[in-house]
Protein backbone atom coordinates (compact mmCIF):
# COMPACT_ATOMS: atom_id res chain seq x y z
CA MET A 1 85.04 145.16 66.64
CA LEU A 2 82.64 147.44 64.83
CA PHE A 3 80.33 144.63 63.72
CA ASP A 4 79.78 143.89 67.45
CA LEU A 5 77.72 147.08 67.48
CA GLU A 6 75.24 145.47 65.10
CA ASP A 7 74.13 143.30 68.02
CA LYS A 8 71.49 145.56 69.60
CA ALA A 9 71.50 143.97 73.05
CA PHE A 10 75.30 143.97 73.22
CA ARG A 11 75.44 147.62 72.15
CA GLU A 12 72.85 148.63 74.74
CA GLU A 13 74.83 146.87 77.50
CA ALA A 14 77.97 148.74 76.47
CA GLU A 15 76.12 152.05 76.36
CA VAL A 16 74.66 151.47 79.82
CA TRP A 17 78.14 150.67 81.17
CA LEU A 18 79.61 153.86 79.71
CA THR A 19 76.69 155.89 81.01
CA SER A 20 77.42 154.61 84.52
CA LEU A 21 80.87 156.26 84.54
CA ASP A 22 81.12 159.72 86.08
CA ASP A 23 82.49 162.66 84.09
CA SER A 24 85.90 162.68 85.81
CA THR A 25 86.48 159.06 84.82
CA ILE A 26 85.10 159.07 81.30
CA VAL A 27 87.23 162.00 80.14
CA ASP A 28 90.33 159.92 80.88
CA LEU A 29 90.38 157.41 78.04
CA GLU A 30 93.23 155.45 79.59
CA ALA A 31 91.21 155.00 82.79
CA VAL A 32 88.20 153.86 80.74
CA PHE A 33 90.29 151.21 79.00
CA GLU A 34 91.75 150.09 82.33
CA ILE A 35 88.35 149.46 83.96
CA SER A 36 86.60 148.23 80.81
CA PRO A 37 85.04 144.76 81.20
CA GLY A 38 86.72 143.77 77.94
CA TYR A 39 85.18 145.70 75.03
CA TYR A 40 87.28 145.58 71.87
CA PRO A 41 89.11 148.91 71.36
CA THR A 42 87.24 149.95 68.20
CA THR A 43 83.91 149.10 69.84
CA LEU A 44 84.78 151.04 72.98
CA LEU A 45 86.18 154.04 71.12
CA THR A 46 83.09 154.38 68.94
CA LEU A 47 80.67 154.39 71.87
CA TRP A 48 83.01 156.46 74.08
CA GLU A 49 83.12 159.16 71.41
CA LEU A 50 79.32 159.26 71.23
CA GLU A 51 78.93 159.33 75.02
CA THR A 52 81.44 162.16 75.55
CA GLN A 53 79.75 164.17 72.79
CA ARG A 54 76.35 163.57 74.43
CA ARG A 55 77.71 164.98 77.70
CA HIS A 56 79.49 167.85 75.90
CA LEU A 57 82.84 166.64 77.24
CA PRO A 58 86.20 166.70 75.41
CA SER A 59 86.44 163.81 72.97
CA LEU A 60 88.84 162.64 70.28
CA SER A 61 87.13 164.74 67.62
CA SER A 62 86.80 167.91 69.73
CA ALA A 63 90.05 167.86 71.68
CA GLY A 64 92.47 165.99 69.45
CA PRO A 65 94.47 163.03 70.77
CA THR A 66 93.95 162.37 74.46
CA THR A 67 96.82 162.87 76.85
CA ARG A 68 98.19 159.53 77.92
CA HIS A 69 100.77 158.65 80.50
CA LYS A 70 104.27 158.24 79.17
CA PRO A 71 105.47 154.66 79.52
CA LEU A 72 107.46 154.27 82.71
CA PRO A 73 111.14 153.33 82.64
CA VAL A 74 111.79 149.66 83.28
CA SER A 75 112.41 148.80 86.94
CA HIS A 76 116.00 148.56 88.18
CA PRO A 77 116.93 146.29 91.11
CA PHE A 78 118.85 149.08 92.87
CA ASP A 79 115.63 151.08 93.19
CA ALA A 80 113.73 148.17 94.78
CA ASP A 81 110.98 149.04 92.29
CA TRP A 82 108.36 146.30 92.49
CA ARG A 83 105.08 147.48 91.00
CA PHE A 84 101.59 146.67 92.20
CA THR A 85 99.10 144.66 90.22
CA ILE A 86 96.28 146.77 88.81
CA ASP A 87 93.86 145.31 91.36
CA SER A 88 96.14 146.19 94.28
CA SER A 89 96.69 149.73 93.02
CA ALA A 90 92.94 150.19 92.71
CA GLU A 91 92.31 148.77 96.19
CA LEU A 92 94.94 150.98 97.80
CA VAL A 93 93.67 154.13 96.10
CA SER A 94 90.09 153.26 97.01
CA ARG A 95 91.07 152.85 100.67
CA ALA A 96 93.08 156.06 100.64
CA VAL A 97 90.22 158.24 99.35
CA ASP A 98 87.42 156.51 101.26
CA GLY A 99 85.49 159.11 103.25
CA LEU A 100 87.62 162.07 102.17
CA SER A 101 86.00 165.33 101.21
CA ASN A 102 86.79 166.93 97.84
CA LEU A 103 90.16 168.70 97.56
CA SER A 104 91.70 166.52 100.28
CA THR A 105 95.38 165.71 99.84
CA VAL A 106 96.56 162.13 99.32
CA VAL A 107 100.31 161.49 99.48
CA HIS A 108 101.88 158.59 97.60
CA ILE A 109 105.35 157.78 98.99
CA GLY A 110 107.29 155.50 96.68
CA THR A 111 104.05 154.38 95.00
CA HIS A 112 104.00 155.92 91.53
CA SER A 113 101.37 153.46 90.28
CA THR A 114 98.82 154.53 92.90
CA TYR A 115 99.68 158.17 92.21
CA ARG A 116 98.98 157.79 88.50
CA LEU A 117 95.77 155.87 89.15
CA GLY A 118 94.65 158.38 91.78
CA VAL A 119 95.19 161.30 89.40
CA SER A 120 93.19 159.51 86.70
CA THR A 121 90.27 158.23 88.74
CA PHE A 122 89.95 160.64 91.67
CA PRO A 123 90.90 164.07 90.29
CA GLN A 124 88.69 165.77 92.89
CA HIS A 125 91.55 165.22 95.36
CA HIS A 126 95.07 166.63 95.41
CA HIS A 127 97.60 163.85 94.78
CA VAL A 128 101.28 164.28 95.66
CA LEU A 129 104.05 161.80 94.79
CA LEU A 130 107.25 161.64 96.84
CA ASP A 131 109.91 159.41 95.30
CA ARG A 132 113.71 159.27 95.37
CA ASN A 133 113.96 157.91 91.83
CA SER A 134 114.34 161.10 89.76
CA TYR A 135 114.72 158.95 86.64
CA LEU A 136 111.13 157.88 87.18
CA THR A 137 109.63 161.14 88.47
CA GLU A 138 110.95 163.03 85.45
CA THR A 139 109.04 160.61 83.21
CA ILE A 140 105.67 161.04 84.92
CA ASN A 141 103.67 164.01 83.74
CA GLY A 142 103.15 166.17 86.85
CA LYS A 143 101.68 169.15 85.06
CA ASP A 144 98.48 169.33 87.09
CA HIS A 145 99.64 167.64 90.28
CA ARG A 146 102.69 167.63 92.47
CA ILE A 147 105.64 165.32 92.04
CA LEU A 148 108.59 165.77 94.38
CA ALA A 149 111.89 163.96 93.82
CA ILE A 150 112.93 163.56 97.45
CA ASP A 151 115.45 161.37 99.25
CA LEU A 152 113.67 160.92 102.58
CA SER A 153 116.94 160.34 104.44
CA LYS A 154 118.47 163.65 103.26
CA ASP A 155 115.76 166.07 102.17
CA GLU A 156 113.22 167.86 104.32
CA VAL A 157 109.65 166.86 103.56
CA PRO A 158 107.01 169.61 103.47
CA TYR A 159 103.94 169.58 105.68
CA LEU A 160 101.14 168.89 103.20
CA GLN A 161 98.16 168.55 105.55
CA ALA A 162 97.53 165.21 103.89
CA GLU A 163 94.51 163.26 105.03
CA SER A 164 95.83 159.91 103.82
CA ALA A 165 99.07 158.37 102.60
CA ILE A 166 100.12 155.22 100.73
CA LEU A 167 103.63 153.90 101.42
CA ASP A 168 105.61 151.09 99.82
CA PRO A 169 109.19 151.28 101.16
CA PRO A 170 111.93 148.81 100.36
CA TRP A 171 111.19 145.84 102.59
CA TYR A 172 113.76 146.53 105.30
CA LEU A 173 113.20 148.08 108.70
CA ASP A 174 115.51 151.10 108.22
CA ASP A 175 113.80 152.17 104.98
CA THR A 176 110.36 151.57 106.47
CA LEU A 177 111.11 153.87 109.41
CA TRP A 178 112.20 156.69 107.08
CA PHE A 179 109.01 156.32 105.05
CA LEU A 180 106.85 156.32 108.18
CA ASP A 181 108.64 159.33 109.61
CA ALA A 182 107.98 161.20 106.35
CA ALA A 183 104.32 160.14 106.36
CA SER A 184 103.91 161.36 109.92
CA ARG A 185 105.42 164.74 108.97
CA VAL A 186 103.30 165.32 105.85
CA CYS A 187 99.99 164.11 107.32
CA SER A 188 97.48 165.89 109.52
CA MET A 189 96.12 164.43 112.75
CA GLY A 190 93.76 161.53 112.17
CA ALA A 191 95.13 160.80 108.70
CA SER A 192 95.08 157.21 107.46
CA VAL A 193 98.48 155.73 106.60
CA LEU A 194 98.52 152.60 104.41
CA LEU A 195 101.84 150.79 104.77
CA CYS A 196 102.88 147.89 102.52
CA GLN A 197 105.14 145.36 104.22
CA PRO A 198 106.67 141.95 103.43
CA SER A 199 104.58 138.91 104.25
CA LEU A 200 106.02 136.83 107.08
CA ALA A 201 107.55 134.15 104.82
CA THR A 202 109.39 136.63 102.59
CA ARG A 203 112.73 135.99 104.32
CA PRO A 204 114.09 134.99 107.74
CA GLY A 205 113.67 137.71 110.37
CA VAL A 206 110.53 139.39 109.04
CA MET A 207 108.52 138.53 112.17
CA SER A 208 111.22 140.05 114.39
CA GLU A 209 111.36 143.19 112.22
CA ARG A 210 107.56 143.48 112.33
CA ALA A 211 107.65 143.33 116.14
CA GLN A 212 110.34 146.06 116.26
CA LEU A 213 108.31 148.21 113.87
CA LEU A 214 105.16 147.96 115.97
CA GLU A 215 107.11 148.90 119.11
CA LEU A 216 108.37 152.06 117.39
CA LEU A 217 105.00 153.25 116.06
CA PRO A 218 104.18 155.45 119.11
CA ALA A 219 107.48 157.34 118.66
CA LEU A 220 106.41 157.98 115.06
CA GLY A 221 103.06 159.36 116.18
CA LEU A 222 101.24 156.42 114.63
CA LEU A 223 98.75 153.82 115.84
CA GLN A 224 98.02 150.48 114.17
CA VAL A 225 94.35 150.15 113.23
CA ASP A 226 94.35 146.99 111.14
CA GLU A 227 96.56 144.35 109.52
CA ILE A 228 95.47 142.65 106.31
CA ILE A 229 97.64 139.65 105.48
CA ARG A 230 98.76 138.98 101.86
CA SER A 231 96.43 141.63 100.51
CA ILE A 232 98.95 143.43 98.29
CA GLY A 233 99.88 141.88 94.95
CA TYR A 234 102.96 142.68 92.86
CA ARG A 235 103.99 141.88 89.31
CA THR A 236 107.38 140.26 88.79
CA PRO A 237 109.77 142.89 87.39
CA HIS A 238 112.13 142.06 84.56
CA PHE A 239 115.17 141.91 86.84
CA GLU A 240 113.52 139.35 89.13
CA ALA A 241 112.37 137.24 86.19
CA MET A 242 115.97 137.18 84.95
CA SER A 243 117.22 136.06 88.38
CA LEU A 244 114.68 133.25 88.52
CA ARG A 245 115.72 132.15 85.06
CA ALA A 246 119.40 132.22 86.07
CA SER A 247 118.55 130.08 89.08
CA SER A 248 117.34 127.36 86.69
CA VAL A 249 113.85 127.28 88.13
CA SER A 250 112.26 124.35 86.31
CA VAL A 251 108.61 125.39 86.65
CA LEU A 252 106.78 128.44 85.39
CA VAL A 253 106.50 130.83 88.34
CA PRO A 254 103.31 132.94 88.21
CA ASP A 255 103.98 136.57 87.34
CA THR A 256 101.96 137.66 90.38
CA TRP A 257 103.41 135.26 92.97
CA ARG A 258 104.71 138.02 95.28
CA HIS A 259 102.37 139.30 97.99
CA GLY A 260 102.72 141.72 100.87
CA ASP A 261 100.79 142.63 104.00
CA LEU A 262 98.93 145.91 104.46
CA LEU A 263 99.24 147.69 107.81
CA VAL A 264 96.56 150.33 108.30
CA LEU A 265 97.81 153.06 110.63
CA SER A 266 96.44 156.34 111.96
CA LYS A 267 98.32 159.57 112.68
CA VAL A 268 97.72 160.27 116.38
CA GLY A 269 100.65 162.50 117.37
CA PRO A 270 103.96 164.08 116.29
CA THR A 271 106.95 162.02 115.29
CA SER A 272 109.84 162.13 117.77
CA LEU A 273 112.01 159.28 116.53
CA THR A 274 115.66 160.10 115.76
CA LEU A 275 116.84 158.14 112.73
CA SER A 276 120.43 157.53 111.68
CA PRO A 277 121.13 158.37 108.03
CA PRO A 278 121.44 155.12 106.04
CA LYS A 279 124.50 154.37 103.96
CA ARG A 280 123.79 155.33 100.36
CA GLU A 281 125.62 153.90 97.37
CA GLU A 282 126.68 156.40 94.71
CA TRP A 283 125.90 155.38 91.12
CA SER A 284 125.74 157.03 87.74
CA GLU A 285 123.06 155.90 85.36
CA VAL A 286 123.08 155.64 81.60
CA GLN A 287 120.49 154.30 79.17
CA PHE A 288 120.79 152.07 76.14
CA GLY A 289 117.39 151.95 74.45
CA PRO A 290 115.01 150.64 77.12
CA VAL A 291 117.90 149.22 79.16
CA ARG A 292 118.90 151.09 82.32
CA ILE A 293 122.50 150.64 83.46
CA LYS A 294 124.01 151.69 86.78
CA ILE A 295 127.75 152.43 86.68
CA ARG A 296 130.39 152.88 89.37
CA SER A 297 133.97 151.82 90.08
CA SER A 298 134.14 148.46 91.81
CA GLY A 299 137.90 148.21 92.28
CA VAL A 300 138.53 145.43 89.77
CA PRO A 301 141.53 145.31 87.40
CA THR A 302 139.56 145.12 84.12
CA ASP A 303 136.30 146.53 82.78
CA LEU A 304 133.28 144.26 82.41
CA MET A 305 134.93 141.61 84.54
CA SER A 306 132.69 138.62 85.20
CA LEU A 307 131.55 138.31 88.83
CA VAL A 308 129.15 135.34 88.71
CA PRO A 309 128.62 132.42 86.30
CA GLY A 310 126.37 133.56 83.45
CA ASN A 311 126.77 137.20 84.60
CA VAL A 312 123.21 137.36 86.01
CA LEU A 313 122.86 137.78 89.77
CA LYS A 314 120.65 134.95 90.99
CA THR A 315 119.09 136.98 93.81
CA VAL A 316 117.29 140.31 94.16
CA SER A 317 118.18 140.68 97.82
CA ARG A 318 120.15 143.53 99.31
CA ARG A 319 121.79 140.92 101.55
CA ASP A 320 123.68 139.24 98.69
CA PRO A 321 127.42 139.94 99.31
CA VAL A 322 128.14 140.00 95.56
CA ARG A 323 126.32 143.34 95.31
CA GLN A 324 129.31 145.07 96.91
CA GLN A 325 131.48 144.10 93.91
CA ILE A 326 129.11 145.30 91.18
CA GLY A 327 130.22 148.18 88.95
CA PHE A 328 127.99 147.58 85.89
CA TRP A 329 124.40 146.69 86.75
CA THR A 330 121.59 146.43 84.22
CA SER A 331 117.84 146.55 84.68
CA GLY A 332 117.89 142.82 83.95
CA ASN A 333 120.17 142.12 86.96
CA ARG A 334 123.14 141.41 84.69
CA ILE A 335 126.34 142.43 86.50
CA PHE A 336 130.06 143.01 85.93
CA GLY A 337 133.00 144.63 87.65
CA VAL A 338 134.22 148.03 86.41
CA ALA A 339 137.64 149.66 86.53
CA HIS A 340 136.96 152.87 84.51
CA PRO A 341 133.36 154.00 85.10
CA LYS A 342 133.38 157.42 83.39
CA PRO A 343 134.84 156.30 80.03
CA LEU A 344 132.52 153.27 80.08
CA GLU A 345 129.54 155.52 80.68
CA THR A 346 130.63 157.70 77.75
CA LEU A 347 130.97 154.66 75.51
CA ILE A 348 127.45 153.45 76.38
CA GLU A 349 126.07 156.92 75.62
CA MET A 350 127.73 156.73 72.18
CA CYS A 351 126.17 153.31 71.65
CA ASN A 352 122.75 154.65 72.61
CA ASP A 353 123.11 157.47 70.11
CA ASP A 354 124.10 154.95 67.45
CA LEU A 355 121.04 152.86 68.34
CA LYS A 356 118.75 155.85 67.84
CA HIS A 357 120.17 156.35 64.36
CA MET A 358 120.18 152.60 63.55
CA GLN A 359 123.98 152.57 63.47
CA PHE A 360 124.70 150.31 66.44
CA THR A 361 127.34 147.97 65.01
CA LEU A 362 130.39 146.15 66.31
CA SER A 363 132.75 148.19 64.11
CA ASN A 364 131.28 151.47 65.38
CA ILE A 365 131.60 150.50 69.04
CA ILE A 366 135.21 149.35 68.51
CA ASN A 367 136.03 152.71 66.87
CA HIS A 368 134.32 154.64 69.69
CA GLY A 369 136.14 152.58 72.29
CA ARG A 370 139.52 153.05 70.63
CA ARG A 371 139.08 156.85 70.71
CA ILE A 372 138.45 156.88 74.48
CA GLY A 373 141.04 154.30 75.42
CA PHE A 374 139.29 150.93 75.49
CA SER A 375 140.77 147.80 73.93
CA SER A 376 138.81 146.09 71.18
CA SER A 377 138.18 143.13 73.52
CA VAL A 378 136.38 145.35 76.06
CA SER A 379 134.37 147.00 73.27
CA ARG A 380 133.41 143.60 71.86
CA ARG A 381 132.33 142.44 75.30
CA LEU A 382 130.19 145.57 75.77
CA PHE A 383 128.64 145.11 72.31
CA ASP A 384 127.67 141.53 73.15
CA VAL A 385 126.20 142.56 76.52
CA LEU A 386 124.19 145.46 75.13
CA LEU A 387 122.86 143.40 72.23
CA LEU A 388 121.85 140.62 74.60
CA LYS A 389 120.16 143.03 76.99
CA LEU A 390 118.25 144.65 74.18
CA GLN A 391 116.96 141.26 73.07
CA GLU A 392 116.02 140.30 76.65
CA HIS A 393 113.99 143.47 77.07
CA MET A 394 112.24 142.94 73.74
CA ASP A 395 111.44 139.34 74.70
CA ARG A 396 110.06 140.53 78.06
CA GLU A 397 108.01 143.24 76.37
CA HIS A 398 106.42 140.87 73.89
CA GLY A 399 106.40 137.71 75.98
């Protein structure tokens, strides 16, 4: 608050802190807020403006509004999109750039949060993001850096002469091998490869998978240098919070309960491992406000057919057999069976357009549905689901 600046000692401390930031950090206002020790926004903005003017750097008054990252789409369980805590992102980026000379290339494979942080805090390096989720990569502003929407199991990865890489694959051996193979191909000899893996109590079989992974490292041209147990922290995504709630968990589970191990590897040779292409599920995706919905035919007789009690899948595991029956899958892990995916997708798009114009009503959705062949009962069910999902996302956002 501005009257905080009337305290001379407090103001001097804040000025000293801002002075300690290098030019590449202080010009990124979002980065300054992220690493701030807690200064109130108006206090920080006032002193930040003065400090950038003193250094003759772009400021709010000289450059207009600062460019900020677009908000990322909400995670969807299909994408296995668990996001690091801020501390873990910072630690991973710090490790990745440690000892690198300026203009070195750092590759972020499936780790959009470290990519964004790396671009903000270490712009003296080239940062490249490789990610299969085009829905997400299209959101991130890649104007000054490289963002490649790549499916590692189908697309050829370019040789980037990278000197370090950060990888966070889905926590299964087949996905991990594809990520490591890609890292080996994009990195130069001696590059550091930081691999995030499940901690040993994540599920049965992790220890066996870890042993298999270590045996295969030589064929990937990689050598293990270090293993740091439970060093990677994640924030609980909305879909996992919904599953825990559906499981009637009676205690408040910490939002940062999930941890992973960090394997530090080094590129010591070429990759020679032959990998079998994994089976990929084909989905369409449609959006309703902030809600992401995956759609496909699931071979059921009616649309929006209930598959589980309460309609929320109680797990986030790929191993759950119910996942094979899902045709309608929201970013809150709410699921149904689907008989007519294309018309349902069209109907949701109409609802999203209505929402944008503040015309999302039951009568409108029934009229839309009637025109494309849905009964009023299906349209009513969709209206109830979309309204509920919208409320759940708003509660998550403000809770």
